[in-house]
Protein backbone atom coordinates (compact mmCIF):
# COMPACT_ATOMS: atom_id res chain seq x y z
CA UNK A 1 0.00 0.00 0.00
CA UNK A 2 1.24 3.43 -0.92
CA UNK A 3 -0.16 5.64 1.86
CA UNK A 4 -2.06 5.75 5.14
CA UNK A 5 -5.04 7.41 3.39
CA UNK A 6 -5.46 4.57 0.90
CA UNK A 7 -5.23 2.09 3.79
CA UNK A 8 -8.06 3.84 5.63
CA UNK A 9 -10.25 3.97 2.50
CA UNK A 10 -9.81 0.27 1.77
CA UNK A 11 -10.57 -0.65 5.41
CA UNK A 12 -13.99 1.10 5.21
CA UNK A 13 -15.00 -0.50 1.90
CA UNK A 14 -13.54 -4.00 2.43
CA UNK A 15 -13.26 -5.13 6.07
CA UNK A 16 -11.98 -8.56 5.00
CA UNK A 17 -9.13 -6.94 3.10
CA UNK A 18 -8.31 -4.90 6.18
CA UNK A 19 -8.05 -8.09 8.21
CA UNK A 20 -5.69 -9.56 5.62
CA UNK A 21 -3.52 -6.42 5.66
CA UNK A 22 -3.32 -6.56 9.44
CA UNK A 23 -2.16 -10.17 9.26
CA UNK A 24 0.50 -9.23 6.72
CA UNK A 25 1.69 -6.38 8.94
CA UNK A 26 1.90 -8.76 11.90
CA UNK A 27 3.97 -11.17 9.82
CA UNK A 28 6.21 -8.34 8.71
CA UNK A 29 6.72 -7.25 12.30
CA UNK A 30 7.48 -10.86 13.28
CA UNK A 31 10.08 -11.14 10.50
CA UNK A 32 11.63 -7.83 11.55
CA UNK A 33 11.80 -9.01 15.15
CA UNK A 34 13.43 -12.27 14.04
CA UNK A 35 15.88 -10.38 11.86
CA UNK A 36 16.74 -8.04 14.70
CA UNK A 37 17.21 -11.03 17.02
CA UNK A 38 19.51 -12.63 14.43
CA UNK A 39 21.45 -9.40 14.08
CA UNK A 40 21.71 -9.10 17.86
CA UNK A 41 23.16 -12.63 18.10
CA UNK A 42 25.78 -11.73 15.51
CA UNK A 43 26.52 -8.35 17.08
CA UNK A 44 26.76 -9.81 20.59
CA UNK A 45 29.05 -12.57 19.35
CA UNK A 46 31.32 -10.04 17.65
CA UNK A 47 31.38 -7.82 20.73
CA UNK A 48 32.28 -10.77 22.93
CA UNK A 49 35.19 -11.62 20.67
CA UNK A 50 36.43 -8.04 20.49
CA UNK A 51 36.44 -7.68 24.28
CA UNK A 52 37.68 -11.13 25.33
CA UNK A 53 41.10 -12.41 24.35
CA UNK A 54 40.69 -15.78 26.09
CA UNK A 55 40.02 -18.73 23.76
CA UNK A 56 36.65 -20.43 24.18
CA UNK A 57 36.41 -24.08 25.17
CA UNK A 58 35.29 -26.51 22.45
CA UNK A 59 31.84 -26.79 24.07
CA UNK A 60 31.37 -23.01 24.25
CA UNK A 61 32.68 -22.59 20.71
CA UNK A 62 30.19 -25.10 19.30
CA UNK A 63 27.40 -23.48 21.33
CA UNK A 64 28.16 -20.04 19.85
CA UNK A 65 28.31 -21.47 16.32
CA UNK A 66 24.98 -23.26 16.88
CA UNK A 67 23.40 -19.95 17.94
CA UNK A 68 24.62 -18.30 14.74
CA UNK A 69 23.33 -21.17 12.58
CA UNK A 70 19.93 -21.06 14.30
CA UNK A 71 19.79 -17.31 13.73
CA UNK A 72 20.28 -17.96 10.01
CA UNK A 73 18.14 -21.10 9.63
CA UNK A 74 15.31 -19.14 7.95
CA UNK A 75 17.68 -18.19 5.11
CA UNK A 76 15.39 -15.39 3.90
CA UNK A 77 17.71 -12.55 4.85
CA UNK A 78 21.30 -13.30 5.79
CA UNK A 79 22.49 -9.70 6.16
CA UNK A 80 20.29 -7.55 8.37
CA UNK A 81 20.46 -3.82 8.90
CA UNK A 82 18.93 -3.58 12.38
CA UNK A 83 20.74 -0.45 13.44
CA UNK A 84 23.71 -2.36 14.80
CA UNK A 85 26.97 -0.53 15.39
CA UNK A 86 28.98 -2.68 12.95
CA UNK A 87 27.49 -3.35 9.54
CA UNK A 88 29.04 -4.55 6.30
CA UNK A 89 32.66 -5.61 5.93
CA UNK A 90 34.62 -5.10 9.14
CA UNK A 91 38.08 -6.14 10.29
CA UNK A 92 38.42 -7.72 13.72
CA UNK A 93 40.72 -5.58 15.84
CA UNK A 94 42.12 -8.68 17.54
CA UNK A 95 42.63 -11.38 14.88
CA UNK A 96 42.54 -9.08 11.84
CA UNK A 97 40.03 -11.20 9.92
CA UNK A 98 37.85 -9.32 7.44
CA UNK A 99 34.26 -10.54 7.56
CA UNK A 100 30.70 -9.37 6.97
CA UNK A 101 29.00 -8.20 10.16
CA UNK A 102 25.48 -9.55 10.83
CA UNK A 103 26.06 -12.43 8.39
CA UNK A 104 25.76 -15.59 10.52
CA UNK A 105 27.88 -17.68 8.15
CA UNK A 106 30.68 -15.12 8.17
CA UNK A 107 30.34 -14.76 11.93
CA UNK A 108 30.77 -18.53 12.32
CA UNK A 109 33.94 -18.52 10.23
CA UNK A 110 35.23 -15.54 12.19
CA UNK A 111 34.45 -17.23 15.49
CA UNK A 112 36.42 -20.33 14.49
CA UNK A 113 39.46 -18.43 13.24
CA UNK A 114 39.38 -15.92 16.10
CA UNK A 115 39.36 -18.68 18.70
CA UNK A 116 42.24 -20.45 16.94
CA UNK A 117 44.13 -17.16 16.68
CA UNK A 118 43.94 -16.07 20.31
CA UNK A 119 44.89 -19.57 21.44
CA UNK A 120 47.89 -19.71 19.08
CA UNK A 121 49.34 -16.26 19.81
CA UNK A 122 49.12 -16.61 23.58
CA UNK A 123 52.62 -17.10 24.97
CA UNK A 124 53.14 -17.95 28.63
CA UNK A 125 56.93 -18.23 28.43
CA UNK A 126 59.34 -21.12 28.85
CA UNK A 127 62.05 -21.88 31.39
CA UNK A 128 64.72 -22.15 28.72
CA UNK A 129 64.29 -19.69 25.88
CA UNK A 130 66.78 -19.42 23.06
CA UNK A 131 66.73 -15.62 22.75
CA UNK A 132 68.40 -14.30 19.59
CA UNK A 133 67.53 -10.63 19.85
CA UNK A 134 65.83 -8.21 22.23
CA UNK A 135 64.14 -4.98 21.13
CA UNK A 136 62.06 -2.18 22.68
CA UNK A 137 58.85 -3.84 21.40
CA UNK A 138 59.71 -7.50 22.03
CA UNK A 139 62.19 -10.31 21.45
CA UNK A 140 62.97 -13.05 18.92
CA UNK A 141 63.40 -16.63 20.08
CA UNK A 142 64.47 -19.74 18.18
CA UNK A 143 62.77 -23.15 18.40
CA UNK A 144 64.60 -26.23 17.10
CA UNK A 145 63.23 -29.72 16.27
CA UNK A 146 64.86 -31.31 19.33
CA UNK A 147 63.34 -28.83 21.80
CA UNK A 148 60.82 -30.01 24.45
CA UNK A 149 57.44 -31.26 23.27
CA UNK A 150 55.56 -28.28 24.71
CA UNK A 151 57.62 -25.92 22.55
CA UNK A 152 57.10 -28.01 19.41
CA UNK A 153 53.37 -28.27 20.15
CA UNK A 154 53.18 -24.48 20.38
CA UNK A 155 55.05 -24.10 17.09
CA UNK A 156 52.64 -26.51 15.39
CA UNK A 157 49.65 -24.58 16.76
CA UNK A 158 51.12 -21.34 15.44
CA UNK A 159 51.89 -22.91 12.05
CA UNK A 160 48.31 -24.08 11.61
CA UNK A 161 46.97 -20.62 12.45
CA UNK A 162 49.49 -18.95 10.12
CA UNK A 163 48.57 -21.31 7.28
CA UNK A 164 44.89 -20.44 7.73
CA UNK A 165 45.67 -16.72 7.79
CA UNK A 166 47.88 -16.92 4.68
CA UNK A 167 45.47 -19.23 2.86
CA UNK A 168 47.99 -22.09 2.67
CA UNK A 169 47.00 -25.71 2.40
CA UNK A 170 47.62 -27.56 5.66
CA UNK A 171 50.73 -29.46 4.53
CA UNK A 172 53.71 -30.21 6.73
CA UNK A 173 57.25 -29.78 5.49
CA UNK A 174 58.92 -32.97 4.29
CA UNK A 175 61.89 -32.64 6.67
CA UNK A 176 60.62 -31.22 10.00
CA UNK A 177 63.87 -32.35 11.64
CA UNK A 178 65.70 -29.72 9.57
CA UNK A 179 63.41 -26.76 10.24
CA UNK A 180 64.14 -23.76 12.42
CA UNK A 181 61.32 -21.61 13.76
CA UNK A 182 61.85 -17.96 14.71
CA UNK A 183 59.14 -16.35 16.85
CA UNK A 184 58.76 -12.66 17.61
CA UNK A 185 57.28 -12.30 21.10
CA UNK A 186 55.76 -8.89 21.86
CA UNK A 187 56.05 -7.19 25.25
CA UNK A 188 52.48 -8.21 26.10
CA UNK A 189 53.45 -11.91 25.72
CA UNK A 190 51.88 -12.55 22.33
CA UNK A 191 53.38 -14.27 19.30
CA UNK A 192 53.45 -11.35 16.87
CA UNK A 193 55.63 -12.90 14.17
CA UNK A 194 56.69 -16.29 12.87
CA UNK A 195 59.37 -17.39 10.39
CA UNK A 196 59.87 -21.06 9.52
CA UNK A 197 63.06 -21.93 7.62
CA UNK A 198 64.51 -25.16 6.27
CA UNK A 199 67.61 -26.40 4.48
CA UNK A 200 67.41 -26.49 0.68
CA UNK A 201 69.89 -27.01 -2.14
CA UNK A 202 68.60 -24.73 -4.88
CA UNK A 203 66.05 -22.17 -5.92
CA UNK A 204 64.73 -20.52 -9.08
CA UNK A 205 65.09 -16.87 -9.94
CA UNK A 206 61.90 -14.83 -10.40
CA UNK A 207 61.71 -13.38 -13.91
CA UNK A 208 61.38 -9.61 -13.82
CA UNK A 209 58.70 -8.11 -16.01
CA UNK A 210 58.45 -4.45 -17.05
CA UNK A 211 56.33 -2.34 -14.74
CA UNK A 212 53.63 -0.25 -16.47
CA UNK A 213 53.65 3.49 -15.95
CA UNK A 214 51.33 4.90 -13.33
CA UNK A 215 51.06 6.08 -9.75
CA UNK A 216 52.69 4.23 -6.88
CA UNK A 217 49.31 2.87 -5.81
CA UNK A 218 48.58 1.59 -9.31
CA UNK A 219 51.97 -0.14 -9.44
CA UNK A 220 51.33 -1.87 -6.12
CA UNK A 221 47.90 -3.00 -7.31
CA UNK A 222 49.42 -4.34 -10.54
CA UNK A 223 52.10 -6.18 -8.58
CA UNK A 224 49.46 -7.80 -6.35
CA UNK A 225 47.27 -9.02 -9.20
CA UNK A 226 49.63 -10.15 -11.93
CA UNK A 227 50.84 -13.71 -12.38
CA UNK A 228 54.59 -14.02 -12.17
CA UNK A 229 57.06 -16.58 -13.43
CA UNK A 230 60.40 -18.05 -12.45
CA UNK A 231 63.34 -19.33 -14.43
CA UNK A 232 63.78 -23.02 -15.25
CA UNK A 233 67.48 -22.79 -14.39
CA UNK A 234 68.24 -23.79 -10.77
CA UNK A 235 70.65 -21.74 -8.70
CA UNK A 236 72.45 -22.79 -5.49
CA UNK A 237 70.65 -21.86 -2.27
CA UNK A 238 71.07 -22.87 1.35
CA UNK A 239 68.06 -21.58 3.26
CA UNK A 240 64.40 -21.76 2.31
CA UNK A 241 61.82 -19.57 4.06
CA UNK A 242 58.68 -21.68 3.98
CA UNK A 243 56.55 -19.22 5.96
CA UNK A 244 56.95 -15.69 7.20
CA UNK A 245 54.06 -13.97 8.98
CA UNK A 246 53.42 -10.95 11.20
CA UNK A 247 50.21 -10.29 13.10
CA UNK A 248 48.06 -7.76 11.27
CA UNK A 249 48.10 -5.05 13.95
CA UNK A 250 51.93 -5.01 14.14
CA UNK A 251 52.84 -5.02 10.46
CA UNK A 252 55.09 -2.36 8.91
CA UNK A 253 57.13 -2.13 12.10
CA UNK A 254 60.18 -4.01 10.81
CA UNK A 255 59.36 -7.29 12.55
CA UNK A 256 59.68 -9.44 9.41
CA UNK A 257 63.01 -7.83 8.51
CA UNK A 258 64.34 -8.39 12.02
CA UNK A 259 63.35 -12.05 11.91
CA UNK A 260 65.19 -12.50 8.60
CA UNK A 261 68.27 -10.80 10.05
CA UNK A 262 68.20 -13.26 12.97
CA UNK A 263 67.80 -16.07 10.46
CA UNK A 264 70.82 -14.95 8.46
CA UNK A 265 72.93 -14.77 11.63
CA UNK A 266 71.82 -18.07 13.15
CA UNK A 267 70.85 -20.48 10.38
CA UNK A 268 74.39 -21.88 10.06
CA UNK A 269 76.73 -21.65 13.05
CA UNK A 270 79.51 -19.14 12.53
CA UNK A 271 78.20 -18.01 9.14
CA UNK A 272 76.14 -15.06 7.91
CA UNK A 273 73.90 -15.91 4.96
CA UNK A 274 73.96 -13.66 1.92
CA UNK A 275 70.66 -12.69 0.33
CA UNK A 276 71.45 -14.85 -2.70
CA UNK A 277 71.55 -17.93 -0.46
CA UNK A 278 67.94 -17.46 0.66
CA UNK A 279 64.79 -18.49 -1.23
CA UNK A 280 61.09 -17.92 -0.52
CA UNK A 281 58.45 -20.60 -0.96
CA UNK A 282 55.44 -19.59 -3.06
CA UNK A 283 55.05 -16.11 -1.53
CA UNK A 284 51.66 -14.41 -1.31
CA UNK A 285 51.23 -11.04 -3.10
CA UNK A 286 52.13 -9.26 0.15
CA UNK A 287 55.04 -11.63 0.62
CA UNK A 288 56.34 -10.86 -2.86
CA UNK A 289 56.16 -7.12 -2.20
CA UNK A 290 58.03 -7.59 1.08
CA UNK A 291 60.71 -9.80 -0.51
CA UNK A 292 61.19 -7.28 -3.32
CA UNK A 293 61.68 -4.49 -0.79
CA UNK A 294 63.97 -6.50 1.51
CA UNK A 295 66.21 -7.89 -1.23
CA UNK A 296 66.15 -4.69 -3.25
CA UNK A 297 65.05 -6.55 -6.38
CA UNK A 298 62.04 -8.44 -7.70
CA UNK A 299 64.40 -11.14 -9.02
CA UNK A 300 64.78 -13.08 -5.77
CA UNK A 301 64.89 -16.88 -5.45
CA UNK A 302 61.82 -19.06 -4.91
CA UNK A 303 61.40 -22.78 -4.25
CA UNK A 304 58.78 -25.41 -3.52
CA UNK A 305 58.13 -25.30 0.23
CA UNK A 306 56.53 -28.78 0.32
CA UNK A 307 59.60 -30.67 -0.86
CA UNK A 308 62.38 -28.08 -0.88
CA UNK A 309 63.92 -29.88 -3.87
CA UNK A 310 64.14 -29.41 -7.59
CA UNK A 311 61.18 -30.66 -9.68
CA UNK A 312 61.98 -33.55 -12.02
CA UNK A 313 61.18 -31.43 -15.06
CA UNK A 314 61.12 -27.77 -14.04
CA UNK A 315 58.98 -25.51 -16.17
CA UNK A 316 58.48 -21.78 -16.22
CA UNK A 317 55.13 -21.07 -14.64
CA UNK A 318 53.16 -18.91 -12.27
CA UNK A 319 54.47 -19.00 -8.72
């Protein structure tokens, strides 16, 4: 109906129609109330996560996810504008995940990752820490394969979270006994950075392609989106960086560079690695931009992080 006047006129001429309209309005109000309830569940869940940095138990986690699924079981309207504070795409201030507020499915995914994140980054400290460097904002420690089980368990928990954050497939390295894990621990006892390195024999040089003219922002966007290739000719390399990650809220503070410097100083006893002896495994677009900046060239070495060895028949292809 287009106006209150037309509603009044129809109610006088056709009482039955008025009764039908009233029923429709009641249904509409019921749907709105349900939508607002669904939105409130999502909003309350998000607020709880933003305020609490303690991981939920499995039972509580499943209970929260069940609430979100029940809120969305109607399926008629998955994104509700009920006047909530957060609406649309938002980034969690704790775990950094970008998700759609008031979307129960997105909220469920956020809840799972957030819980994994806060559990993984929590660092209570160990009796024997292998400290490689101390800084005003934290310290870097080294974890080796023969360290106590509690340390290795923590590294595995961090690796799984990092893989989820980077979008990597959950695949373990072929030679875990040869890996070295560097962790940046912030002053508030959180794992803010992780670098996992392994021994390799060779890598493949990234092929540089001409950069189109444009603004700095346009060049960065082009670099993120384009496919890039590597040479088929292997080159000697000693150290492979299978993963390098920094928590979202502490990026661009030199943490990744400091971890690589510690790696270069401590990967081989009594030796300092040159940049040409280091290769990256299948870097993400952000990882490629970082490597280009750190090495001072886009023609750095890459390798296969799953095997760390040369393919039987190497071919030039997208990395």
